[in-house]
N, C-alpha and C. Protein backbone atom coordinates (compact mmCIF):
# COMPACT_ATOMS: atom_id res chain seq x y z
N UNK A 1 68.96 50.80 125.53
CA UNK A 1 69.65 52.01 125.28
C UNK A 1 68.34 53.14 125.47
N UNK A 2 68.71 54.00 126.44
CA UNK A 2 67.61 54.97 127.17
C UNK A 2 67.45 56.26 125.78
N UNK A 3 66.25 56.45 125.79
CA UNK A 3 65.92 57.61 124.64
C UNK A 3 66.94 59.02 125.23
N UNK A 4 67.15 59.68 124.33
CA UNK A 4 67.76 60.80 124.63
C UNK A 4 66.87 61.81 124.47
N UNK A 5 66.85 62.94 125.36
CA UNK A 5 66.01 63.79 125.62
C UNK A 5 66.01 64.65 124.43
N UNK A 6 64.39 65.15 124.21
CA UNK A 6 63.78 65.89 122.98
C UNK A 6 64.15 67.21 123.66
N UNK A 7 64.83 68.13 122.40
CA UNK A 7 65.04 69.84 122.87
C UNK A 7 65.72 70.18 121.68
N UNK A 8 65.90 71.49 121.89
CA UNK A 8 66.59 72.58 120.78
C UNK A 8 67.93 72.40 120.52
N UNK A 9 68.67 72.37 119.55
CA UNK A 9 69.76 72.16 118.97
C UNK A 9 70.12 73.09 118.27
N UNK A 10 71.86 73.42 118.44
CA UNK A 10 72.33 74.58 117.33
C UNK A 10 72.90 73.67 116.50
N UNK A 11 72.86 73.79 115.26
CA UNK A 11 73.79 73.15 114.32
C UNK A 11 74.32 73.97 113.21
N UNK A 12 75.45 73.79 113.24
CA UNK A 12 76.47 74.82 112.24
C UNK A 12 77.06 73.68 111.31
N UNK A 13 76.76 74.49 110.05
CA UNK A 13 77.40 74.02 108.68
C UNK A 13 78.23 74.23 107.75
N UNK A 14 79.28 73.38 107.58
CA UNK A 14 80.47 73.97 106.90
C UNK A 14 81.05 73.28 105.92
N UNK A 15 81.92 73.50 105.10
CA UNK A 15 82.70 72.52 104.50
C UNK A 15 84.23 73.16 104.61
N UNK A 16 85.45 72.42 104.65
CA UNK A 16 86.83 73.07 105.15
C UNK A 16 87.03 74.26 104.99
N UNK A 17 86.58 74.99 104.11
CA UNK A 17 86.80 76.30 103.31
C UNK A 17 85.99 77.44 103.85
N UNK A 18 84.41 76.76 104.22
CA UNK A 18 83.34 78.13 104.15
C UNK A 18 82.48 77.81 105.23
N UNK A 19 81.98 78.65 105.56
CA UNK A 19 80.90 78.58 106.67
C UNK A 19 79.53 78.48 105.86
N UNK A 20 78.50 77.40 105.65
CA UNK A 20 77.60 77.57 104.92
C UNK A 20 76.06 78.03 105.77
N UNK A 21 76.13 78.15 106.90
CA UNK A 21 75.30 78.73 107.67
C UNK A 21 74.79 77.81 109.24
N UNK A 22 73.78 78.13 109.80
CA UNK A 22 73.40 77.25 110.81
C UNK A 22 72.00 77.46 110.98
N UNK A 23 71.65 76.38 112.03
CA UNK A 23 70.03 76.30 112.11
C UNK A 23 69.79 75.94 113.65
N UNK A 24 68.94 76.42 114.34
CA UNK A 24 68.39 76.33 115.40
C UNK A 24 66.84 75.29 115.13
N UNK A 25 67.09 73.76 115.38
CA UNK A 25 66.28 73.15 115.47
C UNK A 25 66.12 72.17 116.43
N UNK A 26 64.69 71.26 116.26
CA UNK A 26 64.22 70.62 117.66
C UNK A 26 64.55 68.84 117.19
N UNK A 27 65.02 68.29 118.33
CA UNK A 27 65.27 66.55 117.78
C UNK A 27 65.73 66.05 119.25
N UNK A 28 66.33 65.00 118.99
CA UNK A 28 66.57 64.16 120.17
C UNK A 28 68.12 64.13 120.39
N UNK A 29 68.89 64.54 118.94
CA UNK A 29 70.00 64.36 118.94
C UNK A 29 70.58 64.77 117.62
N UNK A 30 71.73 64.48 117.40
CA UNK A 30 72.26 65.20 116.01
C UNK A 30 71.59 64.75 115.07
N UNK A 31 71.41 63.15 114.99
CA UNK A 31 70.56 62.61 113.73
C UNK A 31 69.13 62.85 113.60
N UNK A 32 68.43 63.16 114.44
CA UNK A 32 67.01 63.77 114.37
C UNK A 32 67.19 65.15 114.15
N UNK A 33 68.24 65.90 114.69
CA UNK A 33 68.25 67.42 114.18
C UNK A 33 68.51 67.73 112.75
N UNK A 34 69.49 67.02 112.34
CA UNK A 34 69.97 66.99 110.97
C UNK A 34 69.05 66.62 109.77
N UNK A 35 67.93 65.61 110.34
CA UNK A 35 66.97 65.16 109.49
C UNK A 35 65.80 66.30 109.72
N UNK A 36 65.48 67.07 110.78
CA UNK A 36 64.28 67.85 110.90
C UNK A 36 65.17 68.89 109.89
N UNK A 37 66.07 69.63 110.02
CA UNK A 37 66.96 70.61 109.06
C UNK A 37 66.42 70.23 107.48
N UNK A 38 66.75 68.93 107.23
CA UNK A 38 66.54 68.64 106.00
C UNK A 38 64.90 68.50 105.64
N UNK A 39 64.45 68.00 106.41
CA UNK A 39 62.69 68.46 105.85
C UNK A 39 62.37 69.53 105.90
N UNK A 40 63.09 70.63 106.60
CA UNK A 40 62.64 72.16 106.52
C UNK A 40 63.42 72.77 105.30
N UNK A 41 64.16 72.01 104.71
CA UNK A 41 64.90 72.59 103.67
C UNK A 41 66.03 73.58 103.91
N UNK A 42 66.58 73.44 105.24
CA UNK A 42 67.66 74.55 105.46
C UNK A 42 68.92 74.01 106.01
N UNK A 43 69.01 72.70 105.03
CA UNK A 43 70.40 71.89 105.64
C UNK A 43 70.98 72.03 104.00
N UNK A 44 72.25 73.32 104.23
CA UNK A 44 72.88 73.36 102.73
C UNK A 44 74.03 72.53 102.61
N UNK A 45 74.28 71.35 103.27
CA UNK A 45 75.23 70.38 102.98
C UNK A 45 76.55 70.62 103.86
N UNK A 46 77.73 69.92 103.41
CA UNK A 46 78.68 70.30 104.23
C UNK A 46 78.39 69.23 105.70
N UNK A 47 79.81 69.72 106.25
CA UNK A 47 79.83 68.93 107.55
C UNK A 47 79.22 69.53 108.94
N UNK A 48 78.38 68.98 109.72
CA UNK A 48 77.32 69.45 110.69
C UNK A 48 78.14 69.09 112.22
N UNK A 49 78.16 70.52 112.79
CA UNK A 49 78.45 70.38 114.54
C UNK A 49 77.00 70.90 114.99
N UNK A 50 76.81 69.64 116.14
CA UNK A 50 75.63 69.99 117.00
C UNK A 50 75.93 69.99 118.32
N UNK A 51 75.40 71.05 118.72
CA UNK A 51 74.85 71.53 120.54
C UNK A 51 73.63 71.41 120.78
N UNK A 52 73.66 71.04 121.71
CA UNK A 52 72.03 70.58 122.58
C UNK A 52 72.20 72.09 123.21
N UNK A 53 71.35 72.62 122.95
CA UNK A 53 70.76 74.07 123.77
C UNK A 53 70.51 74.02 124.99
N UNK A 54 71.27 74.95 126.18
CA UNK A 54 70.62 74.64 127.42
C UNK A 54 69.04 75.35 127.57
N UNK A 55 68.44 75.21 128.47
CA UNK A 55 66.95 76.15 128.59
C UNK A 55 67.46 77.70 128.61
N UNK A 56 68.26 77.90 129.19
CA UNK A 56 68.35 79.43 129.25
C UNK A 56 68.78 80.03 127.77
N UNK A 57 69.65 79.20 127.24
CA UNK A 57 69.58 79.72 125.63
C UNK A 57 68.60 79.55 124.69
N UNK A 58 67.82 78.87 125.14
CA UNK A 58 66.29 78.73 124.34
C UNK A 58 65.63 79.58 124.51
N UNK A 59 65.42 80.20 125.83
CA UNK A 59 64.74 81.07 126.40
C UNK A 59 65.25 82.61 125.75
N UNK A 60 66.30 82.56 125.54
CA UNK A 60 66.88 83.96 124.94
C UNK A 60 67.40 83.69 123.75
N UNK A 61 66.51 82.84 122.93
CA UNK A 61 66.81 82.66 121.50
C UNK A 61 65.38 83.17 121.02
N UNK A 62 65.38 84.41 119.92
CA UNK A 62 64.39 84.64 119.59
C UNK A 62 63.39 83.57 118.81
N UNK A 63 62.07 83.36 118.94
CA UNK A 63 61.54 83.05 117.68
C UNK A 63 61.67 82.83 116.17
N UNK A 64 62.02 83.88 116.06
CA UNK A 64 62.25 84.02 114.46
C UNK A 64 63.49 83.52 113.79
N UNK A 65 64.39 83.01 114.68
CA UNK A 65 65.61 82.66 114.59
C UNK A 65 65.75 81.07 114.38
N UNK A 66 64.56 80.34 114.98
CA UNK A 66 64.76 79.05 114.96
C UNK A 66 63.72 78.66 113.69
N UNK A 67 64.21 77.34 113.26
CA UNK A 67 63.58 76.38 111.99
C UNK A 67 63.81 77.20 110.84
N UNK A 68 64.87 77.74 110.72
CA UNK A 68 65.62 78.48 109.36
C UNK A 68 66.83 78.89 109.14
N UNK A 69 67.53 78.82 107.97
CA UNK A 69 68.86 78.67 107.82
C UNK A 69 69.19 80.11 108.35
N UNK A 70 70.15 80.25 109.28
CA UNK A 70 70.94 81.48 109.68
C UNK A 70 72.08 81.77 109.02
N UNK A 71 72.48 82.89 108.69
CA UNK A 71 73.79 83.35 108.11
C UNK A 71 74.57 84.03 109.19
N UNK A 72 75.69 84.46 108.36
CA UNK A 72 76.63 85.03 109.42
C UNK A 72 76.09 85.91 110.31
N UNK A 73 75.72 87.22 109.55
CA UNK A 73 75.04 88.36 110.43
C UNK A 73 73.80 87.80 111.59
N UNK A 74 73.20 86.78 111.24
CA UNK A 74 72.12 86.25 112.14
C UNK A 74 72.81 85.68 113.47
N UNK A 75 73.97 85.01 113.23
CA UNK A 75 74.71 84.60 114.23
C UNK A 75 75.29 85.64 115.18
N UNK A 76 75.88 86.44 114.19
CA UNK A 76 76.50 87.73 115.36
C UNK A 76 75.45 88.40 116.28
N UNK A 77 74.22 88.58 115.80
CA UNK A 77 73.02 89.25 116.41
C UNK A 77 72.72 88.23 117.53
N UNK A 78 72.60 86.99 117.43
CA UNK A 78 72.71 85.94 118.51
C UNK A 78 73.69 86.19 119.52
N UNK A 79 74.96 86.29 119.11
CA UNK A 79 75.76 86.31 119.87
C UNK A 79 75.67 87.55 120.86
N UNK A 80 75.38 88.46 120.17
CA UNK A 80 74.91 89.98 121.07
C UNK A 80 74.14 89.69 122.23
N UNK A 81 73.24 88.91 121.70
CA UNK A 81 71.87 88.79 122.69
C UNK A 81 72.59 88.02 124.31
N UNK A 82 73.56 87.03 124.35
CA UNK A 82 74.14 86.26 125.12
C UNK A 82 74.45 87.61 126.42
N UNK A 83 73.96 86.81 127.56
CA UNK A 83 74.44 87.83 128.56
C UNK A 83 75.06 86.75 129.84
């Protein structure tokens, strides 16, 4: 099996009734990105959705939004940056 490429991932954490937060972390895929969020102490639990970010998305993502738990207001600010 070939290694997955290393990159930045957007993780969204939620329960069936509540958004718990999101994070932008590095990894090789869902497992290692979730592990990284756990190591950083920013994995709030719940189910995790994972999306690999494109190079353009990473370039538009402010450094202060990486490797920390993002709340809904932070996500809205990021969506406002998307062009």
